[in-house]
């Protein structure tokens, strides 16, 4: 087991299309430097903070606020954390770990400014939150759910970060839809708009060997979408990727463990009684596979009419599309 697990980090500007350096505004450094310094979770500093505990379906979240003022009451922030955890619990059937540290670091500005997940000394998430954030900013946030989804996957190593980031990118909006926070049109509209960013470009050598932003986040999300649809096709729409990933979690595969990617995918396949994920990985890991996204959208019964998403329930995969965002028992 490695001493330090790979940290999962996502910034707002990443999804605007460019990676940004892991540096912070001077004001943020001076206000809470020990909580932002370095690449690791500041466990020792966090453990000295006062904590508020939140119970989530048998798990406990330990919430600490770094020094610095927020315009929102702490109770509002705590409710947002609990609501985000509910979405993840809805998708996975339980919270991914028995306990987790959640560190909120106030910085200048507004909205969520960054998020990182670790587990080398126990599950932990740091969220960098603009001190002028409003309740509406929290309601629109996707970042905390994204980070919490990371807790539901073993550490598979840097080479396979496309799976951890792609899974979080794919699952986050579906989990929020199942929890009642997003509608299906919003989810599918975003996929229509963004999924093509994961297609291989010139010189691509497969998901394991091409570590661009597009292939890591959206290439990984595309892998998840293709696997989800194929599981539903082969199971007569009885099962999906959600069942497969619940199987990984049930087998003890959360972020506090180190697994090979082959073990993760084989465990997921076993949970649904199919070999979809392992076979798809064999195809996409070292080769630039370009799926027919236009044909997939057509078969799912999704199209844009102007700037609005329209659904055609007569298409062959329309029922699979519907099942993806429905509440899972």
Protein backbone atom coordinates (compact mmCIF):
# COMPACT_ATOMS: atom_id res chain seq x y z
CA UNK A 1 0.00 0.00 0.00
CA UNK A 2 1.35 3.43 -0.86
CA UNK A 3 1.84 5.85 2.01
CA UNK A 4 -0.07 8.64 0.32
CA UNK A 5 -2.97 8.03 -1.99
CA UNK A 6 -3.49 10.04 -5.13
CA UNK A 7 -5.47 13.19 -4.36
CA UNK A 8 -8.49 13.94 -6.53
CA UNK A 9 -8.77 17.63 -7.33
CA UNK A 10 -11.18 19.59 -9.44
CA UNK A 11 -11.35 23.35 -9.92
CA UNK A 12 -14.15 25.39 -11.40
CA UNK A 13 -11.89 26.47 -14.25
CA UNK A 14 -11.13 22.88 -15.16
CA UNK A 15 -14.65 22.41 -16.46
CA UNK A 16 -14.33 25.67 -18.36
CA UNK A 17 -11.69 23.83 -20.37
CA UNK A 18 -8.27 24.47 -18.84
CA UNK A 19 -6.26 23.05 -15.98
CA UNK A 20 -5.12 25.58 -13.46
CA UNK A 21 -2.08 25.42 -11.22
CA UNK A 22 -2.58 24.40 -7.61
CA UNK A 23 -1.90 27.87 -6.26
CA UNK A 24 -4.19 30.06 -4.20
CA UNK A 25 -4.87 33.77 -3.94
CA UNK A 26 -2.58 35.65 -1.56
CA UNK A 27 -5.58 36.64 0.57
CA UNK A 28 -6.56 33.02 0.95
CA UNK A 29 -3.01 32.02 1.89
CA UNK A 30 -2.80 34.65 4.61
CA UNK A 31 -6.23 33.87 6.05
CA UNK A 32 -5.91 30.08 6.25
CA UNK A 33 -2.42 29.13 5.07
CA UNK A 34 -2.06 25.96 7.12
CA UNK A 35 -5.29 24.63 5.62
CA UNK A 36 -4.21 25.26 2.01
CA UNK A 37 -0.49 24.62 2.13
CA UNK A 38 1.00 21.67 0.26
CA UNK A 39 -0.57 18.81 -1.63
CA UNK A 40 -1.97 16.78 1.26
CA UNK A 41 -4.95 17.06 3.54
CA UNK A 42 -3.96 19.11 6.63
CA UNK A 43 -5.11 16.36 9.00
CA UNK A 44 -3.25 17.68 12.05
CA UNK A 45 -4.58 21.21 11.63
CA UNK A 46 -8.09 19.92 10.96
CA UNK A 47 -8.09 17.71 14.05
CA UNK A 48 -7.51 20.80 16.24
CA UNK A 49 -10.65 22.54 14.94
CA UNK A 50 -14.03 22.40 16.68
CA UNK A 51 -16.23 19.85 14.88
CA UNK A 52 -19.89 19.44 14.12
CA UNK A 53 -20.94 15.87 13.39
CA UNK A 54 -23.63 14.95 10.88
CA UNK A 55 -25.13 11.45 10.76
CA UNK A 56 -25.76 10.18 7.22
CA UNK A 57 -27.41 6.77 6.90
CA UNK A 58 -25.16 5.15 9.46
CA UNK A 59 -22.04 7.17 8.58
CA UNK A 60 -20.69 10.19 10.43
CA UNK A 61 -19.32 13.32 8.80
CA UNK A 62 -17.02 15.42 10.96
CA UNK A 63 -17.29 19.03 9.76
CA UNK A 64 -14.63 21.62 10.56
CA UNK A 65 -14.45 25.26 9.48
CA UNK A 66 -11.02 26.81 8.95
CA UNK A 67 -10.56 30.35 10.34
CA UNK A 68 -12.29 33.03 8.27
CA UNK A 69 -15.71 34.57 8.00
CA UNK A 70 -18.53 33.38 5.78
CA UNK A 71 -21.55 35.47 4.89
CA UNK A 72 -23.73 32.37 5.26
CA UNK A 73 -24.61 30.93 8.66
CA UNK A 74 -22.75 27.72 9.44
CA UNK A 75 -26.11 25.96 9.78
CA UNK A 76 -26.80 26.66 6.08
CA UNK A 77 -23.44 25.22 5.06
CA UNK A 78 -24.01 22.16 7.23
CA UNK A 79 -27.43 21.61 5.61
CA UNK A 80 -25.77 21.77 2.16
CA UNK A 81 -23.21 19.16 3.20
CA UNK A 82 -25.94 16.85 4.52
CA UNK A 83 -27.99 17.32 1.35
CA UNK A 84 -24.99 16.51 -0.87
CA UNK A 85 -24.31 13.38 1.18
CA UNK A 86 -27.94 12.34 0.72
CA UNK A 87 -27.53 12.43 -3.07
CA UNK A 88 -24.47 10.16 -2.91
CA UNK A 89 -26.26 7.83 -0.49
CA UNK A 90 -29.22 7.70 -2.87
CA UNK A 91 -27.03 6.50 -5.73
CA UNK A 92 -24.90 4.00 -3.79
CA UNK A 93 -27.48 2.82 -1.27
CA UNK A 94 -25.25 3.97 1.59
CA UNK A 95 -22.56 6.55 2.23
CA UNK A 96 -19.27 5.21 0.85
CA UNK A 97 -17.28 5.33 4.11
CA UNK A 98 -18.22 4.98 7.78
CA UNK A 99 -16.77 8.37 8.64
CA UNK A 100 -15.19 11.28 6.83
CA UNK A 101 -13.62 14.61 7.66
CA UNK A 102 -15.04 17.58 5.75
CA UNK A 103 -12.94 20.76 5.87
CA UNK A 104 -14.47 24.06 4.76
CA UNK A 105 -11.91 26.76 3.99
CA UNK A 106 -13.27 30.31 3.46
CA UNK A 107 -11.45 32.41 0.85
CA UNK A 108 -12.12 35.67 -0.93
CA UNK A 109 -14.82 35.59 -3.60
CA UNK A 110 -18.04 33.75 -4.23
CA UNK A 111 -19.05 30.15 -4.91
CA UNK A 112 -17.11 26.90 -4.71
CA UNK A 113 -13.46 27.52 -5.58
CA UNK A 114 -12.05 24.01 -5.41
CA UNK A 115 -12.38 20.57 -3.93
CA UNK A 116 -9.97 17.74 -3.09
CA UNK A 117 -10.45 14.24 -1.71
CA UNK A 118 -7.92 12.12 0.20
CA UNK A 119 -7.93 8.92 2.24
CA UNK A 120 -4.34 8.19 3.30
CA UNK A 121 -5.21 8.94 6.95
CA UNK A 122 -8.93 8.32 6.65
CA UNK A 123 -11.47 9.72 4.22
CA UNK A 124 -11.28 13.50 3.97
CA UNK A 125 -12.56 16.23 1.68
CA UNK A 126 -11.50 19.87 1.56
CA UNK A 127 -13.84 22.39 -0.02
CA UNK A 128 -12.62 25.93 -0.68
CA UNK A 129 -15.64 28.20 -0.37
CA UNK A 130 -15.93 31.86 -1.30
CA UNK A 131 -16.80 33.86 1.79
CA UNK A 132 -19.48 35.81 -0.16
CA UNK A 133 -21.30 32.68 -1.33
CA UNK A 134 -25.09 32.70 -1.18
CA UNK A 135 -27.60 29.98 -0.47
CA UNK A 136 -28.34 29.84 -4.21
CA UNK A 137 -24.64 29.15 -4.86
CA UNK A 138 -24.86 26.12 -2.58
CA UNK A 139 -28.06 24.90 -4.22
CA UNK A 140 -26.42 25.01 -7.65
CA UNK A 141 -23.21 23.36 -6.50
CA UNK A 142 -22.09 20.05 -8.01
CA UNK A 143 -18.58 20.00 -6.61
CA UNK A 144 -19.20 18.50 -3.18
CA UNK A 145 -21.22 15.61 -4.63
CA UNK A 146 -18.43 15.05 -7.17
CA UNK A 147 -15.86 14.83 -4.37
CA UNK A 148 -18.04 12.54 -2.27
CA UNK A 149 -18.40 10.16 -5.24
CA UNK A 150 -14.61 9.75 -5.16
CA UNK A 151 -15.02 8.15 -1.74
CA UNK A 152 -16.93 5.25 -3.35
CA UNK A 153 -14.05 4.04 -5.54
CA UNK A 154 -10.79 2.42 -4.42
CA UNK A 155 -7.58 4.24 -5.23
CA UNK A 156 -6.63 2.78 -8.62
CA UNK A 157 -3.49 4.83 -9.20
CA UNK A 158 -2.56 7.85 -11.26
CA UNK A 159 -2.55 5.99 -14.59
CA UNK A 160 -6.24 5.24 -14.15
CA UNK A 161 -7.35 8.64 -12.89
CA UNK A 162 -9.72 8.72 -15.88
CA UNK A 163 -11.86 6.15 -14.06
CA UNK A 164 -12.03 8.03 -10.77
CA UNK A 165 -12.60 11.43 -12.37
CA UNK A 166 -14.81 10.06 -15.14
CA UNK A 167 -16.98 8.13 -12.69
CA UNK A 168 -17.41 11.22 -10.49
CA UNK A 169 -18.23 13.35 -13.54
CA UNK A 170 -20.82 10.81 -14.72
CA UNK A 171 -22.39 9.84 -11.39
CA UNK A 172 -22.67 13.31 -9.83
CA UNK A 173 -25.58 14.64 -11.95
CA UNK A 174 -27.37 11.27 -11.94
CA UNK A 175 -27.14 11.09 -8.15
CA UNK A 176 -28.49 14.62 -7.88
CA UNK A 177 -31.34 13.77 -10.24
CA UNK A 178 -32.26 10.67 -8.25
CA UNK A 179 -32.25 12.85 -5.13
CA UNK A 180 -34.66 15.28 -6.82
CA UNK A 181 -32.21 18.15 -7.39
CA UNK A 182 -31.91 17.98 -11.19
CA UNK A 183 -34.28 17.03 -13.99
CA UNK A 184 -33.52 14.63 -16.81
CA UNK A 185 -33.43 17.36 -19.46
CA UNK A 186 -30.65 19.16 -17.59
CA UNK A 187 -28.54 16.02 -17.34
CA UNK A 188 -28.92 14.92 -20.94
CA UNK A 189 -28.48 18.46 -22.22
CA UNK A 190 -25.12 18.64 -20.44
CA UNK A 191 -24.08 15.27 -21.90
CA UNK A 192 -25.04 16.38 -25.39
CA UNK A 193 -23.01 19.53 -24.89
CA UNK A 194 -19.92 18.08 -23.23
CA UNK A 195 -19.49 14.35 -23.83
CA UNK A 196 -17.70 14.88 -27.16
CA UNK A 197 -14.83 16.47 -25.20
CA UNK A 198 -13.87 12.94 -24.21
CA UNK A 199 -13.36 11.67 -27.77
CA UNK A 200 -9.79 10.73 -28.72
CA UNK A 201 -7.74 13.29 -30.61
CA UNK A 202 -4.68 12.91 -32.83
CA UNK A 203 -1.96 10.90 -31.11
CA UNK A 204 -4.30 9.36 -28.55
CA UNK A 205 -3.08 6.09 -27.03
CA UNK A 206 -6.13 5.03 -25.06
CA UNK A 207 -7.48 6.06 -21.69
CA UNK A 208 -4.62 4.60 -19.66
CA UNK A 209 -1.97 6.45 -21.67
CA UNK A 210 -3.59 9.77 -22.60
CA UNK A 211 -3.84 12.11 -19.64
CA UNK A 212 -5.38 15.20 -21.17
CA UNK A 213 -8.16 17.03 -19.36
CA UNK A 214 -10.79 15.95 -21.91
CA UNK A 215 -9.85 12.28 -21.85
CA UNK A 216 -9.50 12.18 -18.05
CA UNK A 217 -12.86 13.73 -17.19
CA UNK A 218 -15.07 13.27 -20.23
CA UNK A 219 -13.29 10.23 -21.70
CA UNK A 220 -13.81 8.55 -18.34
CA UNK A 221 -17.44 9.70 -18.24
CA UNK A 222 -17.93 8.32 -21.75
CA UNK A 223 -16.58 4.95 -20.63
CA UNK A 224 -19.13 4.98 -17.79
CA UNK A 225 -22.01 5.93 -20.09
CA UNK A 226 -21.14 3.23 -22.62
CA UNK A 227 -20.83 0.64 -19.83
CA UNK A 228 -24.13 1.73 -18.28
CA UNK A 229 -26.01 1.43 -21.57
CA UNK A 230 -24.41 -1.93 -22.42
CA UNK A 231 -25.26 -3.39 -19.00
CA UNK A 232 -28.85 -2.25 -19.48
CA UNK A 233 -28.99 -3.75 -22.98
CA UNK A 234 -27.62 -7.11 -21.85
CA UNK A 235 -29.77 -7.27 -18.71
CA UNK A 236 -33.03 -6.22 -20.34
CA UNK A 237 -32.79 -2.89 -18.50
CA UNK A 238 -32.95 -4.61 -15.10
CA UNK A 239 -29.45 -3.53 -14.11
CA UNK A 240 -27.04 -0.70 -14.79
CA UNK A 241 -23.70 0.77 -13.81
CA UNK A 242 -25.26 1.82 -10.51
CA UNK A 243 -25.72 -1.85 -9.55
CA UNK A 244 -22.18 -2.65 -10.64
CA UNK A 245 -20.62 0.13 -8.56
CA UNK A 246 -22.79 -0.71 -5.57
CA UNK A 247 -21.23 -4.16 -5.84
CA UNK A 248 -17.73 -2.69 -5.58
CA UNK A 249 -18.72 -0.76 -2.46
CA UNK A 250 -20.40 -3.83 -0.94
CA UNK A 251 -17.14 -5.75 -1.43
CA UNK A 252 -15.25 -3.17 0.65
CA UNK A 253 -13.98 -1.15 -2.28
CA UNK A 254 -14.08 2.44 -1.08
CA UNK A 255 -11.43 5.14 -1.33
CA UNK A 256 -9.69 4.00 1.83
CA UNK A 257 -8.50 0.89 -0.01
CA UNK A 258 -5.98 0.35 -2.84
CA UNK A 259 -7.23 -1.91 -5.63
CA UNK A 260 -5.99 -2.61 -9.14
CA UNK A 261 -8.33 -1.37 -11.84
CA UNK A 262 -8.76 -4.97 -12.97
CA UNK A 263 -10.06 -5.91 -9.52
CA UNK A 264 -12.47 -2.98 -9.48
CA UNK A 265 -13.91 -3.82 -12.89
CA UNK A 266 -14.07 -7.57 -12.23
CA UNK A 267 -15.90 -6.93 -8.94
CA UNK A 268 -18.31 -4.58 -10.68
CA UNK A 269 -18.93 -7.14 -13.43
CA UNK A 270 -19.55 -9.89 -10.86
CA UNK A 271 -22.20 -7.74 -9.17
CA UNK A 272 -24.28 -7.68 -12.36
CA UNK A 273 -23.33 -11.12 -13.66
CA UNK A 274 -21.86 -9.75 -16.88
CA UNK A 275 -18.43 -8.96 -18.28
CA UNK A 276 -19.18 -5.52 -19.68
CA UNK A 277 -16.70 -3.33 -17.80
CA UNK A 278 -13.69 -5.60 -18.19
CA UNK A 279 -14.34 -6.08 -21.91
CA UNK A 280 -14.85 -2.33 -22.47
CA UNK A 281 -11.62 -1.60 -20.59
CA UNK A 282 -9.73 -4.08 -22.79
CA UNK A 283 -10.93 -2.13 -25.83
CA UNK A 284 -10.48 1.44 -24.58
CA UNK A 285 -7.46 1.29 -22.25
CA UNK A 286 -4.71 1.36 -24.88
CA UNK A 287 -6.56 2.15 -28.11
CA UNK A 288 -8.25 5.36 -29.35
CA UNK A 289 -11.81 4.04 -29.63
CA UNK A 290 -14.27 6.59 -31.08
CA UNK A 291 -17.89 5.65 -30.33
CA UNK A 292 -20.76 6.92 -32.45
CA UNK A 293 -22.16 9.48 -30.05
CA UNK A 294 -24.66 10.86 -32.55
CA UNK A 295 -26.08 7.38 -33.05
CA UNK A 296 -26.18 6.82 -29.29
CA UNK A 297 -28.12 10.06 -28.68
CA UNK A 298 -30.54 9.07 -31.44
CA UNK A 299 -31.12 5.59 -29.99
CA UNK A 300 -31.60 7.08 -26.52
CA UNK A 301 -34.20 9.43 -27.98
CA UNK A 302 -32.38 12.66 -27.15
CA UNK A 303 -32.02 15.68 -29.40
CA UNK A 304 -31.71 19.43 -29.22
CA UNK A 305 -34.54 21.53 -30.57
CA UNK A 306 -33.12 25.03 -30.55
CA UNK A 307 -31.55 25.22 -27.12
CA UNK A 308 -34.05 22.84 -25.53
CA UNK A 309 -33.66 19.08 -25.00
CA UNK A 310 -36.38 16.97 -26.58
CA UNK A 311 -37.09 13.29 -25.81
CA UNK A 312 -38.42 10.66 -28.24
CA UNK A 313 -39.69 7.67 -26.28
CA UNK A 314 -40.17 5.58 -29.42
CA UNK A 315 -36.41 5.05 -29.83
CA UNK A 316 -34.87 1.66 -28.91
CA UNK A 317 -32.92 2.84 -25.85
CA UNK A 318 -35.47 5.32 -24.53
CA UNK A 319 -36.39 3.11 -21.58
CA UNK A 320 -32.73 2.76 -20.63
CA UNK A 321 -32.44 6.54 -20.74
CA UNK A 322 -35.39 6.90 -18.39
CA UNK A 323 -34.11 4.24 -15.99
CA UNK A 324 -30.76 5.96 -15.61
CA UNK A 325 -32.20 8.91 -13.71
CA UNK A 326 -35.02 7.17 -11.88
CA UNK A 327 -34.79 6.51 -8.15
CA UNK A 328 -33.13 3.12 -7.64
CA UNK A 329 -34.45 0.85 -4.86
